[in-house]
PDB file of N, CA and C in Angstrom:
ATOM      1  N   MET A   1       0.848  -1.195   0.000  1.00  0.00           N
ATOM      2  CA  MET A   1       0.000   0.000   0.000  1.00  0.00           C
ATOM      3  C   MET A   1       0.887   1.250   0.000  1.00  0.00           C
ATOM      4  N   ALA A   2       0.505   2.233  -0.778  1.00  0.00           N
ATOM      5  CA  ALA A   2       1.315   3.446  -0.896  1.00  0.00           C
ATOM      6  C   ALA A   2       1.170   4.301   0.354  1.00  0.00           C
ATOM      7  N   GLN A   3       2.291   4.881   0.741  1.00  0.00           N
ATOM      8  CA  GLN A   3       2.265   5.761   1.917  1.00  0.00           C
ATOM      9  C   GLN A   3       1.918   7.178   1.457  1.00  0.00           C
ATOM     10  N   ILE A   4       1.009   7.815   2.176  1.00  0.00           N
ATOM     11  CA  ILE A   4       0.594   9.178   1.830  1.00  0.00           C
ATOM     12  C   ILE A   4       1.546  10.155   2.497  1.00  0.00           C
ATOM     13  N   THR A   5       2.173  10.991   1.700  1.00  0.00           N
ATOM     14  CA  THR A   5       3.126  11.959   2.237  1.00  0.00           C
ATOM     15  C   THR A   5       2.501  13.354   2.242  1.00  0.00           C
ATOM     16  N   GLY A   6       3.229  14.291   2.797  1.00  0.00           N
ATOM     17  CA  GLY A   6       2.751  15.669   2.826  1.00  0.00           C
ATOM     18  C   GLY A   6       2.554  16.224   1.430  1.00  0.00           C
ATOM     19  N   LYS A   7       3.434  15.791   0.496  1.00  0.00           N
ATOM     20  CA  LYS A   7       3.318  16.269  -0.882  1.00  0.00           C
ATOM     21  C   LYS A   7       2.009  15.785  -1.502  1.00  0.00           C
ATOM     22  N   HIS A   8       1.654  14.530  -1.226  1.00  0.00           N
ATOM     23  CA  HIS A   8       0.390  14.004  -1.754  1.00  0.00           C
ATOM     24  C   HIS A   8      -0.801  14.760  -1.166  1.00  0.00           C
ATOM     25  N   MET A   9      -0.718  15.081   0.117  1.00  0.00           N
ATOM     26  CA  MET A   9      -1.813  15.818   0.756  1.00  0.00           C
ATOM     27  C   MET A   9      -1.936  17.211   0.147  1.00  0.00           C
ATOM     28  N   LEU A  10      -0.805  17.831  -0.152  1.00  0.00           N
ATOM     29  CA  LEU A  10      -0.821  19.166  -0.754  1.00  0.00           C
ATOM     30  C   LEU A  10      -1.476  19.113  -2.134  1.00  0.00           C
ATOM     31  N   ILE A  11      -1.095  18.108  -2.924  1.00  0.00           N
ATOM     32  CA  ILE A  11      -1.675  17.966  -4.269  1.00  0.00           C
ATOM     33  C   ILE A  11      -3.176  17.713  -4.168  1.00  0.00           C
ATOM     34  N   ALA A  12      -3.577  16.854  -3.218  1.00  0.00           N
ATOM     35  CA  ALA A  12      -5.010  16.573  -3.041  1.00  0.00           C
ATOM     36  C   ALA A  12      -5.757  17.836  -2.627  1.00  0.00           C
ATOM     37  N   GLY A  13      -5.145  18.639  -1.764  1.00  0.00           N
ATOM     38  CA  GLY A  13      -5.777  19.887  -1.323  1.00  0.00           C
ATOM     39  C   GLY A  13      -5.951  20.870  -2.467  1.00  0.00           C
ATOM     40  N   VAL A  14      -4.929  20.968  -3.315  1.00  0.00           N
ATOM     41  CA  VAL A  14      -5.002  21.887  -4.457  1.00  0.00           C
ATOM     42  C   VAL A  14      -6.097  21.435  -5.421  1.00  0.00           C
ATOM     43  N   LEU A  15      -6.147  20.132  -5.693  1.00  0.00           N
ATOM     44  CA  LEU A  15      -7.185  19.619  -6.595  1.00  0.00           C
ATOM     45  C   LEU A  15      -8.575  19.834  -6.017  1.00  0.00           C
ATOM     46  N   ALA A  16      -8.710  19.643  -4.701  1.00  0.00           N
ATOM     47  CA  ALA A  16     -10.012  19.863  -4.070  1.00  0.00           C
ATOM     48  C   ALA A  16     -10.406  21.334  -4.157  1.00  0.00           C
ATOM     49  N   ALA A  17      -9.450  22.234  -3.949  1.00  0.00           N
ATOM     50  CA  ALA A  17      -9.751  23.667  -4.016  1.00  0.00           C
ATOM     51  C   ALA A  17     -10.176  24.064  -5.424  1.00  0.00           C
ATOM     52  N   ILE A  18      -9.496  23.513  -6.425  1.00  0.00           N
ATOM     53  CA  ILE A  18      -9.863  23.819  -7.819  1.00  0.00           C
ATOM     54  C   ILE A  18     -11.268  23.296  -8.114  1.00  0.00           C
ATOM     55  N   GLY A  19     -11.566  22.097  -7.633  1.00  0.00           N
ATOM     56  CA  GLY A  19     -12.895  21.527  -7.865  1.00  0.00           C
ATOM     57  C   GLY A  19     -13.994  22.347  -7.222  1.00  0.00           C
ATOM     58  N   VAL A  20     -13.756  22.792  -5.986  1.00  0.00           N
ATOM     59  CA  VAL A  20     -14.769  23.594  -5.281  1.00  0.00           C
ATOM     60  C   VAL A  20     -14.954  24.928  -5.981  1.00  0.00           C
ATOM     61  N   SER A  21     -13.845  25.572  -6.410  1.00  0.00           N
ATOM     62  CA  SER A  21     -14.010  26.859  -7.080  1.00  0.00           C
ATOM     63  C   SER A  21     -14.735  26.701  -8.401  1.00  0.00           C
ATOM     64  N   ALA A  22     -14.473  25.615  -9.115  1.00  0.00           N
ATOM     65  CA  ALA A  22     -15.166  25.394 -10.387  1.00  0.00           C
ATOM     66  C   ALA A  22     -16.659  25.209 -10.154  1.00  0.00           C
ATOM     67  N   CYS A  23     -17.024  24.518  -9.085  1.00  0.00           N
ATOM     68  CA  CYS A  23     -18.445  24.299  -8.794  1.00  0.00           C
ATOM     69  C   CYS A  23     -19.126  25.601  -8.374  1.00  0.00           C
ATOM     70  N   CYS A  24     -18.404  26.460  -7.689  1.00  0.00           N
ATOM     71  CA  CYS A  24     -19.004  27.723  -7.233  1.00  0.00           C
ATOM     72  C   CYS A  24     -19.069  28.741  -8.361  1.00  0.00           C
ATOM     73  N   VAL A  25     -18.031  28.804  -9.179  1.00  0.00           N
ATOM     74  CA  VAL A  25     -17.949  29.823 -10.239  1.00  0.00           C
ATOM     75  C   VAL A  25     -18.740  29.396 -11.468  1.00  0.00           C
ATOM     76  N   GLY A  26     -18.838  28.091 -11.700  1.00  0.00           N
ATOM     77  CA  GLY A  26     -19.509  27.573 -12.889  1.00  0.00           C
ATOM     78  C   GLY A  26     -20.884  28.162 -13.140  1.00  0.00           C
ATOM     79  N   PRO A  27     -21.781  28.156 -12.152  1.00  0.00           N
ATOM     80  CA  PRO A  27     -23.119  28.723 -12.386  1.00  0.00           C
ATOM     81  C   PRO A  27     -23.116  30.235 -12.619  1.00  0.00           C
ATOM     82  N   LEU A  28     -22.060  30.919 -12.162  1.00  0.00           N
ATOM     83  CA  LEU A  28     -22.020  32.377 -12.325  1.00  0.00           C
ATOM     84  C   LEU A  28     -21.583  32.795 -13.727  1.00  0.00           C
ATOM     85  N   VAL A  29     -20.877  31.907 -14.427  1.00  0.00           N
ATOM     86  CA  VAL A  29     -20.362  32.275 -15.751  1.00  0.00           C
ATOM     87  C   VAL A  29     -21.489  32.582 -16.733  1.00  0.00           C
ATOM     88  N   PRO A  30     -22.517  31.732 -16.870  1.00  0.00           N
ATOM     89  CA  PRO A  30     -23.609  32.088 -17.802  1.00  0.00           C
ATOM     90  C   PRO A  30     -24.313  33.386 -17.408  1.00  0.00           C
ATOM     91  N   LEU A  31     -24.449  33.631 -16.117  1.00  0.00           N
ATOM     92  CA  LEU A  31     -25.087  34.877 -15.682  1.00  0.00           C
ATOM     93  C   LEU A  31     -24.251  36.081 -16.081  1.00  0.00           C
ATOM     94  N   ALA A  32     -22.942  35.980 -15.888  1.00  0.00           N
ATOM     95  CA  ALA A  32     -22.058  37.088 -16.252  1.00  0.00           C
ATOM     96  C   ALA A  32     -22.080  37.319 -17.751  1.00  0.00           C
ATOM     97  N   LEU A  33     -22.076  36.238 -18.530  1.00  0.00           N
ATOM     98  CA  LEU A  33     -22.101  36.385 -19.988  1.00  0.00           C
ATOM     99  C   LEU A  33     -23.419  36.979 -20.458  1.00  0.00           C
ATOM    100  N   SER A  34     -24.530  36.530 -19.880  1.00  0.00           N
ATOM    101  CA  SER A  34     -25.821  37.053 -20.311  1.00  0.00           C
ATOM    102  C   SER A  34     -25.950  38.531 -19.949  1.00  0.00           C
ATOM    103  N   ALA A  35     -25.410  38.929 -18.809  1.00  0.00           N
ATOM    104  CA  ALA A  35     -25.450  40.345 -18.417  1.00  0.00           C
ATOM    105  C   ALA A  35     -24.595  41.171 -19.378  1.00  0.00           C
ATOM    106  N   HIS A  36     -23.452  40.621 -19.781  1.00  0.00           N
ATOM    107  CA  HIS A  36     -22.571  41.332 -20.702  1.00  0.00           C
ATOM    108  C   HIS A  36     -23.240  41.505 -22.057  1.00  0.00           C
ATOM    109  N   TYR A  37     -23.864  40.440 -22.565  1.00  0.00           N
ATOM    110  CA  TYR A  37     -24.507  40.531 -23.882  1.00  0.00           C
ATOM    111  C   TYR A  37     -25.770  41.377 -23.818  1.00  0.00           C
ATOM    112  N   ALA A  38     -26.426  41.411 -22.686  1.00  0.00           N
ATOM    113  CA  ALA A  38     -27.638  42.228 -22.557  1.00  0.00           C
ATOM    114  C   ALA A  38     -27.305  43.709 -22.684  1.00  0.00           C
ATOM    115  N   GLU A  39     -26.097  44.100 -22.213  1.00  0.00           N
ATOM    116  CA  GLU A  39     -25.687  45.508 -22.328  1.00  0.00           C
ATOM    117  C   GLU A  39     -25.422  45.875 -23.778  1.00  0.00           C
ATOM    118  N   ASP A  40     -24.935  44.913 -24.580  1.00  0.00           N
ATOM    119  CA  ASP A  40     -24.577  45.201 -25.962  1.00  0.00           C
ATOM    120  C   ASP A  40     -25.764  45.181 -26.921  1.00  0.00           C
ATOM    121  N   MET A  41     -26.879  44.627 -26.471  1.00  0.00           N
ATOM    122  CA  MET A  41     -28.042  44.514 -27.365  1.00  0.00           C
ATOM    123  C   MET A  41     -28.704  45.885 -27.554  1.00  0.00           C
ATOM    124  N   PRO A  42     -29.125  46.185 -28.778  1.00  0.00           N
ATOM    125  CA  PRO A  42     -29.826  47.461 -29.015  1.00  0.00           C
ATOM    126  C   PRO A  42     -31.185  47.460 -28.324  1.00  0.00           C
ATOM    127  N   ARG A  43     -31.601  48.607 -27.889  1.00  0.00           N
ATOM    128  CA  ARG A  43     -32.888  48.716 -27.188  1.00  0.00           C
ATOM    129  C   ARG A  43     -33.929  49.336 -28.098  1.00  0.00           C
TER     130      ARG A  43
END
């Protein structure tokens, strides 16, 4: 069985942080894009 070192924990932490940020930011991207395009549309 592989021994888990501090380096492995650091890599796991970084991957977890990236995953959480992607889940939080993901739903905001379409909203930001739609707001941006709404400003450019002629009225």
